[in-house]
Structures are given as C-alpha cells and as structure tokens.
Amino acid sequence: MDLAIESDLQNFVCFLMESVERLQGNVFRASLACLKLNQRFRLAGACCGQTFPVSAHLKNHRLLVHWDENEYPIVQLDTAEPPMIDQLRDYLRKSTESIDPEILIQRNEAMAHHLHETQVRAEQELAGLEAKLLHRQTQLQISIRQAETDPLTGLLNRRAFDEKLDLAFRHTMRQKSSPLSLMMLDLDYFKDINDEHGHQYGDNYLIKMAKIILSVIREDVDYAFRFGGDEFAMMIHSDYVTACDKARQVIQQMDGRVSIGISTIGSHRHDDLTLEAFIHQADSSLYEAKHRGRGRAVVGGCSINDAKLCGTVCAMKESGV
C-alpha cells in the first residue's frame, strides 16, 4: 500500500489486525506492535501527502512490515496453513480494489498539495542559493579588484598590468589587423616636487596625473596603470597616431612635465615579436624622451614631433611640446 494520507495508514493497520485475526494470531500483541509501528511511520514521513510505499510479508510464521530498508515484526503466528493464506490474500486484494473513491480523491488532493509545497520550497531554496552565489561572486570581484588596484590613485597596479598586457598582446598577435599601443609615462622632476612641497602635495600631484590619464582613455576598452612612485602606463587598442594624440593631451594637461615612451603593434608587425621586446621598446622610447629634454613623447625611437611618423599631431611642435 501507499500511505500518502491518514486514511491509508488507518486502512493498512486494519488490514494488519484482520490478517492476524484470520491467521489466528495474538490480536493483543499485534495491536501493541501496530501502535509502535504508527509512531515509526509518522517519524519516517507517512501521511504527509507524498508517496510512502509499505508492504506486509509472511515469513517463517512471522507477520512482518517492510518500508524502505526497514523491517518491523507484528506478531509470531502458531500456524499459517496455505489455504488460510490464500483466503487472506484474496480478501485483501478485494478490499484494496473496492477502496472508497472518496479516499482516492483525498489522497490525490493531499499528494498534489504536497507536490506544490515541495515545488515552492525548492524554488525558495534555489533563489536563496542564487542570492548567496551572486553575493560571493560580488565579494570575489571586489577582492580581485582590490588586489589589482593602486590604493592612492585608484588605477590598476603592476600585477594587473602584467596580466592584462599579456592577454592583449597575444590577442593582437593573433588578430593581424588589430593594433595595440603601450605608453610608458614618467613624471618629470617628481622628487624635486616632493622635496619642495611635501608628500601630501606629491600625492595630490599623482592623483591629478591619474585623473588626466583616465580622462583620455576609453573605459573598459583601454587601461591605465600605476607601477609605483611616479611611473605610469597606458594600454590602448589603437595605432600610434591615436597614442600620440593621447600623449599630447596628457603632456598639455600636466603643463609639459611628463615624459612618455610609446611602442605600437601595427599591421606590418613581425611574427617573432615578443612581449618582452614590446615592453622594452616602450621603455627605450621613454628613456629617449627624457634624454631629449623631457616633457615630450617618443614613439618607436622617433620624436612625436617628427612629422614623417606622427602626421596630424605635429601641431604640438608649435606649442613648444
């Protein structure tokens, strides 16, 4: 039987007691056993509107009840002749077949109600798990962001530079038509500024530099970094012409007190170019900018003021940059 609702349990106990009586067993002992069995059934989840299959077995003159992996004895019988067992089996089958339709309706309603409650509970638990997962993802993103961020300027740090530049470099080398420019920036005479005005002024000067860099790049496309001290970097997905224009903007807004080195991967790239060589070219260009008098940008070993290389940005020359 399936003990989905209360009336199922009552019918099953009646079947057990009638079986004991028909098999001439001890009804009093069987009734005590059935009382304890009721308690175990309820603790196990019977009569809650969900499927709860049980069965009665006659084994070695013992009447037993089975559910899940449990076995519970009802009574020990003195005798259990085959004709008596056949009559009992026939009686129980007919009783099951003639069960009250009202009980069937109640059982279906109870099981439908239980199914609905289970579905609602599962949806609530799923929503809770999704909320916890989203919260943990947010916390993880915050932790990663903090680990990659310079606390003073809010720019990405050297750790983020290494990771993002490596990914961008490999992508650019695969996509032959995708340009990439790296700009290394260094504040001119920053130590003198710090010594003359104090560290608080120097920190504000670094923050000003960071804000200017951020203002000339595209959010979530290009990236700005601070290595520490007065060293900065910009990674832009554009050619040297655009890089030169951004360098011009930074130099002008910092009153000509920034030196910038630029290296670019364009359409005529060498397939054997390495990331180390790409970075070294930008460093060398920065050194060249300082060597030529600071307050200027050099791209690929040639001054930004060189009209042959920088084309439209040569107007900077007239402004003294």
C-alpha atoms as a PDB file:
ATOM      1  CA  MET A   1       0.000   0.000   0.000  1.00  0.00           C
ATOM      2  CA  ASP A   2       0.935   3.652  -0.320  1.00  0.00           C
ATOM      3  CA  LEU A   3       0.487   5.547   2.956  1.00  0.00           C
ATOM      4  CA  ALA A   4       0.128   9.001   1.405  1.00  0.00           C
ATOM      5  CA  ILE A   5      -2.677  10.202   3.711  1.00  0.00           C
ATOM      6  CA  GLU A   6      -4.089   9.379   7.147  1.00  0.00           C
ATOM      7  CA  SER A   7      -6.878   7.132   5.880  1.00  0.00           C
ATOM      8  CA  ASP A   8      -4.271   4.988   4.062  1.00  0.00           C
ATOM      9  CA  LEU A   9      -2.494   4.359   7.347  1.00  0.00           C
ATOM     10  CA  GLN A  10      -5.735   3.507   9.105  1.00  0.00           C
ATOM     11  CA  ASN A  11      -6.670   1.055   6.358  1.00  0.00           C
ATOM     12  CA  PHE A  12      -3.261  -0.570   6.489  1.00  0.00           C
ATOM     13  CA  VAL A  13      -3.449  -1.079  10.263  1.00  0.00           C
ATOM     14  CA  CYS A  14      -6.908  -2.577   9.832  1.00  0.00           C
ATOM     15  CA  PHE A  15      -5.505  -4.950   7.208  1.00  0.00           C
ATOM     16  CA  LEU A  16      -2.774  -5.999   9.622  1.00  0.00           C
ATOM     17  CA  MET A  17      -5.152  -6.621  12.502  1.00  0.00           C
ATOM     18  CA  GLU A  18      -7.591  -8.523  10.329  1.00  0.00           C
ATOM     19  CA  SER A  19      -4.730 -10.592   8.959  1.00  0.00           C
ATOM     20  CA  VAL A  20      -3.637 -11.503  12.479  1.00  0.00           C
ATOM     21  CA  GLU A  21      -7.184 -12.434  13.397  1.00  0.00           C
ATOM     22  CA  ARG A  22      -7.752 -14.555  10.285  1.00  0.00           C
ATOM     23  CA  LEU A  23      -4.411 -16.304  10.817  1.00  0.00           C
ATOM     24  CA  GLN A  24      -5.399 -16.941  14.458  1.00  0.00           C
ATOM     25  CA  GLY A  25      -2.566 -14.852  15.902  1.00  0.00           C
ATOM     26  CA  ASN A  26      -2.419 -12.903  19.184  1.00  0.00           C
ATOM     27  CA  VAL A  27      -4.520  -9.801  18.466  1.00  0.00           C
ATOM     28  CA  PHE A  28      -3.482  -8.061  21.689  1.00  0.00           C
ATOM     29  CA  ARG A  29       0.249  -8.305  20.910  1.00  0.00           C
ATOM     30  CA  ALA A  30      -0.407  -7.267  17.324  1.00  0.00           C
ATOM     31  CA  SER A  31      -2.309  -4.162  18.460  1.00  0.00           C
ATOM     32  CA  LEU A  32       0.609  -3.085  20.664  1.00  0.00           C
ATOM     33  CA  ALA A  33       3.000  -3.630  17.773  1.00  0.00           C
ATOM     34  CA  CYS A  34       0.763  -1.591  15.460  1.00  0.00           C
ATOM     35  CA  LEU A  35       0.732   1.343  17.899  1.00  0.00           C
ATOM     36  CA  LYS A  36       4.536   1.449  17.863  1.00  0.00           C
ATOM     37  CA  LEU A  37       4.523   0.956  14.111  1.00  0.00           C
ATOM     38  CA  ASN A  38       2.268   4.014  13.715  1.00  0.00           C
ATOM     39  CA  GLN A  39       4.821   6.144  15.545  1.00  0.00           C
ATOM     40  CA  ARG A  40       7.666   4.912  13.348  1.00  0.00           C
ATOM     41  CA  PHE A  41       5.638   5.519  10.185  1.00  0.00           C
ATOM     42  CA  ARG A  42       4.906   9.126  11.156  1.00  0.00           C
ATOM     43  CA  LEU A  43       8.527   9.811  12.044  1.00  0.00           C
ATOM     44  CA  ALA A  44       9.541   8.364   8.670  1.00  0.00           C
ATOM     45  CA  GLY A  45       7.200  10.721   6.777  1.00  0.00           C
ATOM     46  CA  ALA A  46       3.987   8.758   6.211  1.00  0.00           C
ATOM     47  CA  CYS A  47       0.626  10.554   5.815  1.00  0.00           C
ATOM     48  CA  CYS A  48       2.271  13.764   4.559  1.00  0.00           C
ATOM     49  CA  GLY A  49       0.824  13.696   1.060  1.00  0.00           C
ATOM     50  CA  GLN A  50       3.870  12.131  -0.524  1.00  0.00           C
ATOM     51  CA  THR A  51       4.465   8.581  -1.722  1.00  0.00           C
ATOM     52  CA  PHE A  52       5.229   6.197   1.162  1.00  0.00           C
ATOM     53  CA  PRO A  53       5.067   2.556  -0.006  1.00  0.00           C
ATOM     54  CA  VAL A  54       4.796  -0.244   2.588  1.00  0.00           C
ATOM     55  CA  SER A  55       4.158  -3.962   2.347  1.00  0.00           C
ATOM     56  CA  ALA A  56       3.198  -6.855   4.660  1.00  0.00           C
ATOM     57  CA  HIS A  57       5.002 -10.206   4.439  1.00  0.00           C
ATOM     58  CA  LEU A  58       4.505 -13.605   5.990  1.00  0.00           C
ATOM     59  CA  LYS A  59       7.847 -15.295   6.590  1.00  0.00           C
ATOM     60  CA  ASN A  60       8.504 -18.349   8.768  1.00  0.00           C
ATOM     61  CA  HIS A  61       5.196 -17.871  10.608  1.00  0.00           C
ATOM     62  CA  ARG A  62       6.028 -14.223  11.321  1.00  0.00           C
ATOM     63  CA  LEU A  63       3.993 -11.282  10.056  1.00  0.00           C
ATOM     64  CA  LEU A  64       6.411  -8.518   9.025  1.00  0.00           C
ATOM     65  CA  VAL A  65       6.037  -4.981   7.652  1.00  0.00           C
ATOM     66  CA  HIS A  66       8.620  -3.555   5.207  1.00  0.00           C
ATOM     67  CA  TRP A  67       9.304   0.051   4.102  1.00  0.00           C
ATOM     68  CA  ASP A  68      12.451   1.445   2.583  1.00  0.00           C
ATOM     69  CA  GLU A  69      15.158  -0.748   4.118  1.00  0.00           C
ATOM     70  CA  ASN A  70      13.257  -1.290   7.364  1.00  0.00           C
ATOM     71  CA  GLU A  71      11.591  -4.434   8.649  1.00  0.00           C
ATOM     72  CA  TYR A  72       9.239  -4.443  11.632  1.00  0.00           C
ATOM     73  CA  PRO A  73       7.674  -7.605  13.232  1.00  0.00           C
ATOM     74  CA  ILE A  74       3.979  -7.542  14.084  1.00  0.00           C
ATOM     75  CA  VAL A  75       3.332 -10.957  15.559  1.00  0.00           C
ATOM     76  CA  GLN A  76       4.597 -14.555  15.674  1.00  0.00           C
ATOM     77  CA  LEU A  77       1.948 -16.971  14.413  1.00  0.00           C
ATOM     78  CA  ASP A  78       1.431 -20.506  15.690  1.00  0.00           C
ATOM     79  CA  THR A  79       0.231 -21.702  12.324  1.00  0.00           C
ATOM     80  CA  ALA A  80      -0.222 -20.369   8.809  1.00  0.00           C
ATOM     81  CA  GLU A  81      -1.684 -23.029   6.554  1.00  0.00           C
ATOM     82  CA  PRO A  82      -1.618 -22.388   2.779  1.00  0.00           C
ATOM     83  CA  PRO A  83      -5.427 -22.348   2.425  1.00  0.00           C
ATOM     84  CA  MET A  84      -5.670 -19.707   5.160  1.00  0.00           C
ATOM     85  CA  ILE A  85      -3.004 -17.587   3.424  1.00  0.00           C
ATOM     86  CA  ASP A  86      -4.744 -17.880   0.050  1.00  0.00           C
ATOM     87  CA  GLN A  87      -8.063 -16.816   1.571  1.00  0.00           C
ATOM     88  CA  LEU A  88      -6.394 -13.880   3.307  1.00  0.00           C
ATOM     89  CA  ARG A  89      -4.595 -12.754   0.127  1.00  0.00           C
ATOM     90  CA  ASP A  90      -7.865 -12.886  -1.819  1.00  0.00           C
ATOM     91  CA  TYR A  91      -9.662 -10.911   0.846  1.00  0.00           C
ATOM     92  CA  LEU A  92      -7.021  -8.199   0.999  1.00  0.00           C
ATOM     93  CA  ARG A  93      -6.908  -7.865  -2.788  1.00  0.00           C
ATOM     94  CA  LYS A  94     -10.676  -7.386  -2.979  1.00  0.00           C
ATOM     95  CA  SER A  95     -10.563  -4.892  -0.122  1.00  0.00           C
ATOM     96  CA  THR A  96      -7.912  -2.864  -1.948  1.00  0.00           C
ATOM     97  CA  GLU A  97      -9.829  -2.934  -5.215  1.00  0.00           C
ATOM     98  CA  SER A  98     -13.035  -1.731  -3.545  1.00  0.00           C
ATOM     99  CA  ILE A  99     -11.432   1.156  -1.700  1.00  0.00           C
ATOM    100  CA  ASP A 100     -13.688   4.188  -1.162  1.00  0.00           C
ATOM    101  CA  PRO A 101     -13.457   6.669  -4.106  1.00  0.00           C
ATOM    102  CA  GLU A 102     -13.551   9.495  -1.582  1.00  0.00           C
ATOM    103  CA  ILE A 103     -10.303   8.226  -0.110  1.00  0.00           C
ATOM    104  CA  LEU A 104      -8.751   8.206  -3.581  1.00  0.00           C
ATOM    105  CA  ILE A 105      -9.808  11.826  -4.061  1.00  0.00           C
ATOM    106  CA  GLN A 106      -8.380  12.801  -0.686  1.00  0.00           C
ATOM    107  CA  ARG A 107      -5.136  11.027  -1.495  1.00  0.00           C
ATOM    108  CA  ASN A 108      -4.782  12.768  -4.853  1.00  0.00           C
ATOM    109  CA  GLU A 109      -5.509  16.153  -3.305  1.00  0.00           C
ATOM    110  CA  ALA A 110      -3.027  15.575  -0.495  1.00  0.00           C
ATOM    111  CA  MET A 111      -0.327  14.458  -2.898  1.00  0.00           C
ATOM    112  CA  ALA A 112      -0.994  17.434  -5.197  1.00  0.00           C
ATOM    113  CA  HIS A 113      -0.762  19.770  -2.199  1.00  0.00           C
ATOM    114  CA  HIS A 114       2.496  18.165  -1.096  1.00  0.00           C
ATOM    115  CA  LEU A 115       3.901  18.452  -4.601  1.00  0.00           C
ATOM    116  CA  HIS A 116       3.009  22.147  -4.711  1.00  0.00           C
ATOM    117  CA  GLU A 117       4.608  22.770  -1.311  1.00  0.00           C
ATOM    118  CA  THR A 118       7.723  20.879  -2.385  1.00  0.00           C
ATOM    119  CA  GLN A 119       7.963  22.939  -5.572  1.00  0.00           C
ATOM    120  CA  VAL A 120       7.554  26.228  -3.689  1.00  0.00           C
ATOM    121  CA  ARG A 121      10.153  25.176  -1.132  1.00  0.00           C
ATOM    122  CA  ALA A 122      12.576  24.106  -3.865  1.00  0.00           C
ATOM    123  CA  GLU A 123      12.125  27.429  -5.687  1.00  0.00           C
ATOM    124  CA  GLN A 124      12.764  29.335  -2.450  1.00  0.00           C
ATOM    125  CA  GLU A 125      15.879  27.299  -1.723  1.00  0.00           C
ATOM    126  CA  LEU A 126      17.101  27.811  -5.297  1.00  0.00           C
ATOM    127  CA  ALA A 127      16.523  31.557  -5.039  1.00  0.00           C
ATOM    128  CA  GLY A 128      18.449  31.585  -1.773  1.00  0.00           C
ATOM    129  CA  LEU A 129      21.346  29.676  -3.304  1.00  0.00           C
ATOM    130  CA  GLU A 130      21.424  32.007  -6.317  1.00  0.00           C
ATOM    131  CA  ALA A 131      21.462  35.039  -4.000  1.00  0.00           C
ATOM    132  CA  LYS A 132      24.347  33.557  -1.989  1.00  0.00           C
ATOM    133  CA  LEU A 133      26.229  32.729  -5.189  1.00  0.00           C
ATOM    134  CA  LEU A 134      25.742  36.258  -6.530  1.00  0.00           C
ATOM    135  CA  HIS A 135      26.919  37.707  -3.216  1.00  0.00           C
ATOM    136  CA  ARG A 136      30.032  35.530  -3.222  1.00  0.00           C
ATOM    137  CA  GLN A 137      30.758  36.433  -6.845  1.00  0.00           C
ATOM    138  CA  THR A 138      30.442  40.106  -5.969  1.00  0.00           C
ATOM    139  CA  GLN A 139      32.741  39.698  -2.969  1.00  0.00           C
ATOM    140  CA  LEU A 140      35.237  37.829  -5.140  1.00  0.00           C
ATOM    141  CA  GLN A 141      35.172  40.559  -7.773  1.00  0.00           C
ATOM    142  CA  ILE A 142      35.710  43.184  -5.064  1.00  0.00           C
ATOM    143  CA  SER A 143      38.639  41.213  -3.641  1.00  0.00           C
ATOM    144  CA  ILE A 144      40.202  40.797  -7.071  1.00  0.00           C
ATOM    145  CA  ARG A 145      39.679  44.472  -7.842  1.00  0.00           C
ATOM    146  CA  GLN A 146      41.306  45.486  -4.543  1.00  0.00           C
ATOM    147  CA  ALA A 147      44.258  43.188  -5.206  1.00  0.00           C
ATOM    148  CA  GLU A 148      44.746  44.797  -8.642  1.00  0.00           C
ATOM    149  CA  THR A 149      44.228  48.435  -7.631  1.00  0.00           C
ATOM    150  CA  ASP A 150      46.701  51.076  -6.512  1.00  0.00           C
ATOM    151  CA  PRO A 151      45.189  52.460  -3.277  1.00  0.00           C
ATOM    152  CA  LEU A 152      46.321  56.065  -3.822  1.00  0.00           C
ATOM    153  CA  THR A 153      45.281  56.744  -7.403  1.00  0.00           C
ATOM    154  CA  GLY A 154      42.662  54.046  -7.994  1.00  0.00           C
ATOM    155  CA  LEU A 155      44.491  52.940 -11.138  1.00  0.00           C
ATOM    156  CA  LEU A 156      45.331  49.316 -11.823  1.00  0.00           C
ATOM    157  CA  ASN A 157      48.645  48.162 -10.359  1.00  0.00           C
ATOM    158  CA  ARG A 158      51.657  46.274 -11.722  1.00  0.00           C
ATOM    159  CA  ARG A 159      50.018  42.900 -11.097  1.00  0.00           C
ATOM    160  CA  ALA A 160      47.055  43.853 -13.293  1.00  0.00           C
ATOM    161  CA  PHE A 161      49.427  45.330 -15.891  1.00  0.00           C
ATOM    162  CA  ASP A 162      51.258  42.034 -16.328  1.00  0.00           C
ATOM    163  CA  GLU A 163      48.026  40.073 -16.705  1.00  0.00           C
ATOM    164  CA  LYS A 164      46.084  42.408 -18.997  1.00  0.00           C
ATOM    165  CA  LEU A 165      49.006  43.305 -21.247  1.00  0.00           C
ATOM    166  CA  ASP A 166      49.873  39.635 -21.725  1.00  0.00           C
ATOM    167  CA  LEU A 167      46.289  38.842 -22.796  1.00  0.00           C
ATOM    168  CA  ALA A 168      46.070  41.888 -25.081  1.00  0.00           C
ATOM    169  CA  PHE A 169      49.457  41.191 -26.654  1.00  0.00           C
ATOM    170  CA  ARG A 170      48.633  37.579 -27.506  1.00  0.00           C
ATOM    171  CA  HIS A 171      45.222  38.593 -28.885  1.00  0.00           C
ATOM    172  CA  THR A 172      46.775  41.312 -31.040  1.00  0.00           C
ATOM    173  CA  MET A 173      49.438  38.981 -32.415  1.00  0.00           C
ATOM    174  CA  ARG A 174      46.702  36.515 -33.438  1.00  0.00           C
ATOM    175  CA  GLN A 175      44.426  39.164 -34.960  1.00  0.00           C
ATOM    176  CA  LYS A 176      46.673  40.578 -37.646  1.00  0.00           C
ATOM    177  CA  SER A 177      44.585  43.716 -38.222  1.00  0.00           C
ATOM    178  CA  SER A 178      44.178  44.656 -34.544  1.00  0.00           C
ATOM    179  CA  PRO A 179      46.576  47.417 -33.364  1.00  0.00           C
ATOM    180  CA  LEU A 180      47.879  47.802 -29.819  1.00  0.00           C
ATOM    181  CA  SER A 181      49.892  50.635 -28.291  1.00  0.00           C
ATOM    182  CA  LEU A 182      51.753  50.710 -24.986  1.00  0.00           C
ATOM    183  CA  MET A 183      52.594  54.065 -23.385  1.00  0.00           C
ATOM    184  CA  MET A 184      55.068  54.320 -20.512  1.00  0.00           C
ATOM    185  CA  LEU A 185      54.788  57.622 -18.598  1.00  0.00           C
ATOM    186  CA  ASP A 186      57.093  59.198 -16.033  1.00  0.00           C
ATOM    187  CA  LEU A 187      56.571  62.483 -14.169  1.00  0.00           C
ATOM    188  CA  ASP A 188      59.488  64.832 -14.707  1.00  0.00           C
ATOM    189  CA  TYR A 189      61.359  66.046 -11.603  1.00  0.00           C
ATOM    190  CA  PHE A 190      58.812  64.469  -9.272  1.00  0.00           C
ATOM    191  CA  LYS A 191      61.381  64.057  -6.485  1.00  0.00           C
ATOM    192  CA  ASP A 192      62.073  67.796  -6.552  1.00  0.00           C
ATOM    193  CA  ILE A 193      58.312  68.482  -6.365  1.00  0.00           C
ATOM    194  CA  ASN A 194      58.012  66.180  -3.361  1.00  0.00           C
ATOM    195  CA  ASP A 195      61.009  67.722  -1.607  1.00  0.00           C
ATOM    196  CA  GLU A 196      59.836  71.280  -2.211  1.00  0.00           C
ATOM    197  CA  HIS A 197      56.126  70.957  -1.421  1.00  0.00           C
ATOM    198  CA  GLY A 198      55.896  67.861   0.796  1.00  0.00           C
ATOM    199  CA  HIS A 199      54.464  64.372   0.388  1.00  0.00           C
ATOM    200  CA  GLN A 200      50.813  65.467   0.663  1.00  0.00           C
ATOM    201  CA  TYR A 201      51.278  67.768  -2.324  1.00  0.00           C
ATOM    202  CA  GLY A 202      53.123  64.977  -4.112  1.00  0.00           C
ATOM    203  CA  ASP A 203      50.255  62.531  -3.510  1.00  0.00           C
ATOM    204  CA  ASN A 204      47.766  65.047  -4.898  1.00  0.00           C
ATOM    205  CA  TYR A 205      50.033  65.523  -7.896  1.00  0.00           C
ATOM    206  CA  LEU A 206      49.986  61.760  -8.542  1.00  0.00           C
ATOM    207  CA  ILE A 207      46.194  61.710  -8.196  1.00  0.00           C
ATOM    208  CA  LYS A 208      45.931  64.578 -10.693  1.00  0.00           C
ATOM    209  CA  MET A 209      48.087  62.610 -13.135  1.00  0.00           C
ATOM    210  CA  ALA A 210      45.864  59.530 -12.694  1.00  0.00           C
ATOM    211  CA  LYS A 211      42.679  61.515 -13.366  1.00  0.00           C
ATOM    212  CA  ILE A 212      44.149  63.020 -16.532  1.00  0.00           C
ATOM    213  CA  ILE A 213      45.212  59.609 -17.821  1.00  0.00           C
ATOM    214  CA  LEU A 214      41.761  58.184 -17.167  1.00  0.00           C
ATOM    215  CA  SER A 215      40.134  61.117 -18.940  1.00  0.00           C
ATOM    216  CA  VAL A 216      41.878  60.365 -22.245  1.00  0.00           C
ATOM    217  CA  ILE A 217      41.207  56.605 -22.485  1.00  0.00           C
ATOM    218  CA  ARG A 218      38.051  54.632 -23.194  1.00  0.00           C
ATOM    219  CA  GLU A 219      36.544  52.962 -20.157  1.00  0.00           C
ATOM    220  CA  ASP A 220      36.575  49.129 -20.259  1.00  0.00           C
ATOM    221  CA  VAL A 221      38.469  49.245 -23.571  1.00  0.00           C
ATOM    222  CA  ASP A 222      41.813  50.835 -22.706  1.00  0.00           C
ATOM    223  CA  TYR A 223      43.606  50.594 -19.358  1.00  0.00           C
ATOM    224  CA  ALA A 224      45.716  52.846 -17.148  1.00  0.00           C
ATOM    225  CA  PHE A 225      48.222  51.619 -14.556  1.00  0.00           C
ATOM    226  CA  ARG A 226      50.484  52.934 -11.805  1.00  0.00           C
ATOM    227  CA  PHE A 227      53.610  50.930 -11.150  1.00  0.00           C
ATOM    228  CA  GLY A 228      54.527  52.850  -8.010  1.00  0.00           C
ATOM    229  CA  GLY A 229      56.315  56.116  -7.408  1.00  0.00           C
ATOM    230  CA  ASP A 230      55.890  58.402 -10.395  1.00  0.00           C
ATOM    231  CA  GLU A 231      55.733  55.664 -13.049  1.00  0.00           C
ATOM    232  CA  PHE A 232      52.529  55.077 -15.032  1.00  0.00           C
ATOM    233  CA  ALA A 233      51.448  53.128 -18.111  1.00  0.00           C
ATOM    234  CA  MET A 234      48.590  53.167 -20.611  1.00  0.00           C
ATOM    235  CA  MET A 235      47.473  50.318 -22.835  1.00  0.00           C
ATOM    236  CA  ILE A 236      45.242  51.360 -25.728  1.00  0.00           C
ATOM    237  CA  HIS A 237      43.794  49.308 -28.562  1.00  0.00           C
ATOM    238  CA  SER A 238      44.753  51.826 -31.242  1.00  0.00           C
ATOM    239  CA  ASP A 239      47.628  52.688 -33.570  1.00  0.00           C
ATOM    240  CA  TYR A 240      50.499  55.087 -32.877  1.00  0.00           C
ATOM    241  CA  VAL A 241      48.612  58.096 -34.281  1.00  0.00           C
ATOM    242  CA  THR A 242      45.939  57.777 -31.609  1.00  0.00           C
ATOM    243  CA  ALA A 243      48.599  57.033 -28.999  1.00  0.00           C
ATOM    244  CA  CYS A 244      50.443  60.205 -29.968  1.00  0.00           C
ATOM    245  CA  ASP A 245      47.270  62.250 -29.670  1.00  0.00           C
ATOM    246  CA  LYS A 246      46.591  60.882 -26.179  1.00  0.00           C
ATOM    247  CA  ALA A 247      50.201  61.609 -25.222  1.00  0.00           C
ATOM    248  CA  ARG A 248      49.759  65.200 -26.427  1.00  0.00           C
ATOM    249  CA  GLN A 249      46.652  65.606 -24.255  1.00  0.00           C
ATOM    250  CA  VAL A 250      48.392  64.258 -21.154  1.00  0.00           C
ATOM    251  CA  ILE A 251      51.510  66.383 -21.635  1.00  0.00           C
ATOM    252  CA  GLN A 252      49.486  69.560 -22.166  1.00  0.00           C
ATOM    253  CA  GLN A 253      47.264  68.991 -19.135  1.00  0.00           C
ATOM    254  CA  MET A 254      50.314  68.242 -16.963  1.00  0.00           C
ATOM    255  CA  ASP A 255      51.959  71.502 -18.100  1.00  0.00           C
ATOM    256  CA  GLY A 256      54.667  69.716 -20.068  1.00  0.00           C
ATOM    257  CA  ARG A 257      56.056  67.873 -17.044  1.00  0.00           C
ATOM    258  CA  VAL A 258      55.632  64.308 -18.312  1.00  0.00           C
ATOM    259  CA  SER A 259      57.885  62.144 -20.457  1.00  0.00           C
ATOM    260  CA  ILE A 260      56.251  59.386 -22.495  1.00  0.00           C
ATOM    261  CA  GLY A 261      57.553  56.408 -24.447  1.00  0.00           C
ATOM    262  CA  ILE A 262      55.308  54.654 -26.972  1.00  0.00           C
ATOM    263  CA  SER A 263      55.551  51.307 -28.738  1.00  0.00           C
ATOM    264  CA  THR A 264      52.948  50.084 -31.205  1.00  0.00           C
ATOM    265  CA  ILE A 265      51.982  46.831 -32.876  1.00  0.00           C
ATOM    266  CA  GLY A 266      50.552  47.767 -36.260  1.00  0.00           C
ATOM    267  CA  SER A 267      49.560  45.901 -39.399  1.00  0.00           C
ATOM    268  CA  HIS A 268      53.206  45.462 -40.500  1.00  0.00           C
ATOM    269  CA  ARG A 269      54.231  43.525 -37.410  1.00  0.00           C
ATOM    270  CA  HIS A 270      56.907  40.881 -37.104  1.00  0.00           C
ATOM    271  CA  ASP A 271      55.524  37.473 -36.222  1.00  0.00           C
ATOM    272  CA  ASP A 272      58.502  36.806 -33.959  1.00  0.00           C
ATOM    273  CA  LEU A 273      57.857  39.898 -31.806  1.00  0.00           C
ATOM    274  CA  THR A 274      57.816  39.017 -28.103  1.00  0.00           C
ATOM    275  CA  LEU A 275      56.027  40.701 -25.236  1.00  0.00           C
ATOM    276  CA  GLU A 276      59.361  41.495 -23.609  1.00  0.00           C
ATOM    277  CA  ALA A 277      60.548  43.238 -26.765  1.00  0.00           C
ATOM    278  CA  PHE A 278      57.277  45.182 -26.994  1.00  0.00           C
ATOM    279  CA  ILE A 279      57.673  46.455 -23.422  1.00  0.00           C
ATOM    280  CA  HIS A 280      61.386  47.146 -23.919  1.00  0.00           C
ATOM    281  CA  GLN A 281      60.610  49.311 -26.957  1.00  0.00           C
ATOM    282  CA  ALA A 282      58.266  51.481 -24.851  1.00  0.00           C
ATOM    283  CA  ASP A 283      60.880  51.729 -22.072  1.00  0.00           C
ATOM    284  CA  SER A 284      63.562  52.687 -24.561  1.00  0.00           C
ATOM    285  CA  SER A 285      61.293  55.327 -26.081  1.00  0.00           C
ATOM    286  CA  LEU A 286      60.634  56.745 -22.599  1.00  0.00           C
ATOM    287  CA  TYR A 287      64.383  56.933 -21.950  1.00  0.00           C
ATOM    288  CA  GLU A 288      64.826  58.678 -25.300  1.00  0.00           C
ATOM    289  CA  ALA A 289      62.120  61.228 -24.403  1.00  0.00           C
ATOM    290  CA  LYS A 290      63.938  62.072 -21.179  1.00  0.00           C
ATOM    291  CA  HIS A 291      67.283  62.199 -22.966  1.00  0.00           C
ATOM    292  CA  ARG A 292      65.876  64.697 -25.495  1.00  0.00           C
ATOM    293  CA  GLY A 293      64.867  67.136 -22.787  1.00  0.00           C
ATOM    294  CA  ARG A 294      61.776  65.656 -21.034  1.00  0.00           C
ATOM    295  CA  GLY A 295      58.245  66.964 -21.421  1.00  0.00           C
ATOM    296  CA  ARG A 296      57.765  65.105 -24.690  1.00  0.00           C
ATOM    297  CA  ALA A 297      56.770  61.744 -26.179  1.00  0.00           C
ATOM    298  CA  VAL A 298      58.801  59.424 -28.360  1.00  0.00           C
ATOM    299  CA  VAL A 299      57.271  56.610 -30.382  1.00  0.00           C
ATOM    300  CA  GLY A 300      59.278  53.719 -31.751  1.00  0.00           C
ATOM    301  CA  GLY A 301      62.554  55.594 -31.277  1.00  0.00           C
ATOM    302  CA  CYS A 302      61.449  58.757 -33.075  1.00  0.00           C
ATOM    303  CA  SER A 303      60.195  62.027 -31.549  1.00  0.00           C
ATOM    304  CA  ILE A 304      56.459  62.678 -31.558  1.00  0.00           C
ATOM    305  CA  ASN A 305      57.304  65.993 -33.227  1.00  0.00           C
ATOM    306  CA  ASP A 306      58.613  64.108 -36.273  1.00  0.00           C
ATOM    307  CA  ALA A 307      56.025  64.892 -38.961  1.00  0.00           C
ATOM    308  CA  LYS A 308      57.131  61.901 -41.009  1.00  0.00           C
ATOM    309  CA  LEU A 309      55.970  59.493 -38.317  1.00  0.00           C
ATOM    310  CA  CYS A 310      53.289  61.325 -36.362  1.00  0.00           C
ATOM    311  CA  GLY A 311      51.447  63.144 -39.124  1.00  0.00           C
ATOM    312  CA  THR A 312      48.447  65.012 -37.718  1.00  0.00           C
ATOM    313  CA  VAL A 313      49.902  65.500 -34.237  1.00  0.00           C
ATOM    314  CA  CYS A 314      52.878  67.586 -35.393  1.00  0.00           C
ATOM    315  CA  ALA A 315      50.964  70.747 -34.455  1.00  0.00           C
ATOM    316  CA  MET A 316      52.344  70.130 -30.976  1.00  0.00           C
ATOM    317  CA  LYS A 317      55.673  71.378 -32.194  1.00  0.00           C
ATOM    318  CA  GLU A 318      54.410  74.950 -32.471  1.00  0.00           C
ATOM    319  CA  SER A 319      53.203  74.946 -28.886  1.00  0.00           C
ATOM    320  CA  GLY A 320      56.645  74.009 -27.672  1.00  0.00           C
ATOM    321  CA  VAL A 321      55.693  70.492 -26.586  1.00  0.00           C
END
